C-alpha atoms as a PDB file:
ATOM      1  CA  MET A   1     101.659  43.533 121.802  1.00  0.00           C
ATOM      2  CA  SER A   2     101.569  46.559 119.550  1.00  0.00           C
ATOM      3  CA  GLU A   3     104.412  49.006 119.057  1.00  0.00           C
ATOM      4  CA  GLU A   4     102.277  51.687 120.741  1.00  0.00           C
ATOM      5  CA  GLU A   5     101.733  49.510 123.821  1.00  0.00           C
ATOM      6  CA  ILE A   6     105.468  48.819 124.051  1.00  0.00           C
ATOM      7  CA  GLU A   7     106.229  52.550 123.860  1.00  0.00           C
ATOM      8  CA  ASP A   8     103.621  53.226 126.565  1.00  0.00           C
ATOM      9  CA  LEU A   9     105.287  50.652 128.827  1.00  0.00           C
ATOM     10  CA  LYS A  10     108.711  52.198 128.195  1.00  0.00           C
ATOM     11  CA  ARG A  11     107.374  55.645 129.090  1.00  0.00           C
ATOM     12  CA  ARG A  12     105.718  54.278 132.227  1.00  0.00           C
ATOM     13  CA  ALA A  13     108.946  52.567 133.348  1.00  0.00           C
ATOM     14  CA  GLU A  14     110.980  55.741 132.750  1.00  0.00           C
ATOM     15  CA  ARG A  15     108.402  57.865 134.572  1.00  0.00           C
ATOM     16  CA  LEU A  16     108.525  55.452 137.543  1.00  0.00           C
ATOM     17  CA  ARG A  17     112.355  55.598 137.590  1.00  0.00           C
ATOM     18  CA  ARG A  18     112.358  59.406 137.586  1.00  0.00           C
ATOM     19  CA  GLU A  19     109.666  59.579 140.262  1.00  0.00           C
ATOM     20  CA  ILE A  20     111.439  57.054 142.511  1.00  0.00           C
ATOM     21  CA  GLU A  21     114.767  58.880 142.078  1.00  0.00           C
ATOM     22  CA  ARG A  22     113.102  62.218 142.863  1.00  0.00           C
ATOM     23  CA  HIS A  23     111.449  60.926 146.023  1.00  0.00           C
ATOM     24  CA  ASN A  24     114.672  59.181 147.090  1.00  0.00           C
ATOM     25  CA  ARG A  25     116.523  62.494 146.721  1.00  0.00           C
ATOM     26  CA  LEU A  26     113.844  64.407 148.630  1.00  0.00           C
ATOM     27  CA  TYR A  27     113.808  61.857 151.439  1.00  0.00           C
ATOM     28  CA  HIS A  28     117.488  60.954 151.774  1.00  0.00           C
ATOM     29  CA  ASP A  29     119.393  64.014 150.552  1.00  0.00           C
ATOM     30  CA  GLU A  30     117.072  66.896 151.386  1.00  0.00           C
ATOM     31  CA  ALA A  31     115.161  65.467 154.376  1.00  0.00           C
ATOM     32  CA  ALA A  32     111.987  66.861 152.785  1.00  0.00           C
ATOM     33  CA  PRO A  33     109.714  63.966 151.763  1.00  0.00           C
ATOM     34  CA  GLU A  34     106.600  64.958 149.831  1.00  0.00           C
ATOM     35  CA  ILE A  35     104.661  61.715 150.035  1.00  0.00           C
ATOM     36  CA  PRO A  36     103.993  59.238 152.852  1.00  0.00           C
ATOM     37  CA  ASP A  37     106.101  56.079 153.062  1.00  0.00           C
ATOM     38  CA  GLN A  38     103.141  53.920 152.043  1.00  0.00           C
ATOM     39  CA  GLU A  39     102.725  55.877 148.800  1.00  0.00           C
ATOM     40  CA  PHE A  40     106.453  55.598 148.086  1.00  0.00           C
ATOM     41  CA  ASP A  41     106.297  51.844 148.713  1.00  0.00           C
ATOM     42  CA  VAL A  42     103.601  51.511 146.033  1.00  0.00           C
ATOM     43  CA  LEU A  43     105.819  53.391 143.544  1.00  0.00           C
ATOM     44  CA  PHE A  44     108.871  51.411 144.602  1.00  0.00           C
ATOM     45  CA  ARG A  45     107.123  48.060 143.999  1.00  0.00           C
ATOM     46  CA  ALA A  46     105.548  49.131 140.696  1.00  0.00           C
ATOM     47  CA  LEU A  47     108.851  49.334 138.799  1.00  0.00           C
ATOM     48  CA  PRO A  48     110.198  45.832 139.580  1.00  0.00           C
ATOM     49  CA  ASP A  49     106.715  44.414 138.954  1.00  0.00           C
ATOM     50  CA  LEU A  50     106.682  46.053 135.524  1.00  0.00           C
ATOM     51  CA  GLU A  51     110.256  44.941 134.772  1.00  0.00           C
ATOM     52  CA  GLU A  52     109.450  41.386 135.841  1.00  0.00           C
ATOM     53  CA  LYS A  53     106.497  41.232 133.455  1.00  0.00           C
ATOM     54  CA  HIS A  54     108.511  42.909 130.677  1.00  0.00           C
ATOM     55  CA  PRO A  55     112.220  42.094 131.178  1.00  0.00           C
ATOM     56  CA  LYS A  56     113.302  44.190 128.179  1.00  0.00           C
ATOM     57  CA  LEU A  57     112.316  47.302 130.167  1.00  0.00           C
ATOM     58  CA  ALA A  58     114.884  46.572 132.893  1.00  0.00           C
ATOM     59  CA  THR A  59     117.965  48.786 133.111  1.00  0.00           C
ATOM     60  CA  GLU A  60     121.479  48.153 134.452  1.00  0.00           C
ATOM     61  CA  ASP A  61     121.142  50.408 137.516  1.00  0.00           C
ATOM     62  CA  PRO A  62     117.484  50.758 138.564  1.00  0.00           C
ATOM     63  CA  PRO A  63     116.666  53.045 141.504  1.00  0.00           C
ATOM     64  CA  THR A  64     115.051  50.075 143.237  1.00  0.00           C
ATOM     65  CA  GLN A  65     118.488  48.421 143.562  1.00  0.00           C
ATOM     66  CA  ARG A  66     120.201  51.339 145.321  1.00  0.00           C
ATOM     67  CA  VAL A  67     120.231  52.015 149.030  1.00  0.00           C
ATOM     68  CA  GLY A  68     119.965  55.452 150.644  1.00  0.00           C
ATOM     69  CA  GLY A  69     121.450  58.643 149.329  1.00  0.00           C
ATOM     70  CA  ARG A  70     124.503  60.821 149.708  1.00  0.00           C
ATOM     71  CA  PRO A  71     125.727  61.582 153.224  1.00  0.00           C
ATOM     72  CA  ALA A  72     124.049  64.685 154.663  1.00  0.00           C
ATOM     73  CA  ARG A  73     126.175  67.830 154.394  1.00  0.00           C
ATOM     74  CA  ASP A  74     125.847  68.638 158.090  1.00  0.00           C
ATOM     75  CA  TYR A  75     127.280  65.311 159.297  1.00  0.00           C
ATOM     76  CA  ARG A  76     130.656  65.653 160.973  1.00  0.00           C
ATOM     77  CA  ARG A  77     133.332  63.018 161.053  1.00  0.00           C
ATOM     78  CA  CYS A  78     134.172  61.631 164.436  1.00  0.00           C
ATOM     79  CA  GLY A  79     137.445  60.066 165.519  1.00  0.00           C
ATOM     80  CA  MET A  80     135.848  56.782 166.554  1.00  0.00           C
ATOM     81  CA  ARG A  81     136.865  53.771 164.560  1.00  0.00           C
ATOM     82  CA  CYS A  82     135.004  50.512 164.473  1.00  0.00           C
ATOM     83  CA  PRO A  83     136.434  47.511 162.672  1.00  0.00           C
ATOM     84  CA  CYS A  84     134.062  45.841 160.280  1.00  0.00           C
ATOM     85  CA  GLY A  85     133.515  42.252 161.072  1.00  0.00           C
ATOM     86  CA  PRO A  86     131.027  39.692 162.285  1.00  0.00           C
ATOM     87  CA  THR A  87     130.309  41.676 165.472  1.00  0.00           C
ATOM     88  CA  GLN A  88     129.154  44.777 163.580  1.00  0.00           C
ATOM     89  CA  THR A  89     125.379  45.033 163.302  1.00  0.00           C
ATOM     90  CA  GLY A  90     123.577  47.735 161.359  1.00  0.00           C
ATOM     91  CA  VAL A  91     124.662  51.187 162.451  1.00  0.00           C
ATOM     92  CA  PHE A  92     126.013  49.936 165.768  1.00  0.00           C
ATOM     93  CA  CYS A  93     129.322  48.288 166.472  1.00  0.00           C
ATOM     94  CA  LEU A  94     129.830  45.755 169.220  1.00  0.00           C
ATOM     95  CA  SER A  95     133.076  46.353 171.047  1.00  0.00           C
ATOM     96  CA  PRO A  96     134.217  43.884 173.710  1.00  0.00           C
ATOM     97  CA  GLN A  97     135.728  46.752 175.729  1.00  0.00           C
ATOM     98  CA  LYS A  98     132.894  49.290 175.405  1.00  0.00           C
ATOM     99  CA  GLY A  99     129.761  47.288 174.655  1.00  0.00           C
ATOM    100  CA  ILE A 100     127.484  48.704 171.969  1.00  0.00           C
ATOM    101  CA  VAL A 101     128.897  51.866 170.455  1.00  0.00           C
END
């Protein structure tokens, strides 16, 4: 592989990282997605596929290994506490006294 091809791959990987991070921010932090989920999924799969074929392009903290975004600014804290444990599932908490909370 030529030096030029390697540089092209590096630029493509960096462009994918920036684009994924941008769309993650728009979707999770600003609640203003610009592309449909299916289009994002194609972008999201392209980076690990590229990194798998060319492991030297992989970074320590790729956007494909992060989940979600920052908490929305308009969320309020509530006084409810739910212990973490084997009965907690997803965003719900199973409480023997109250059922699903």
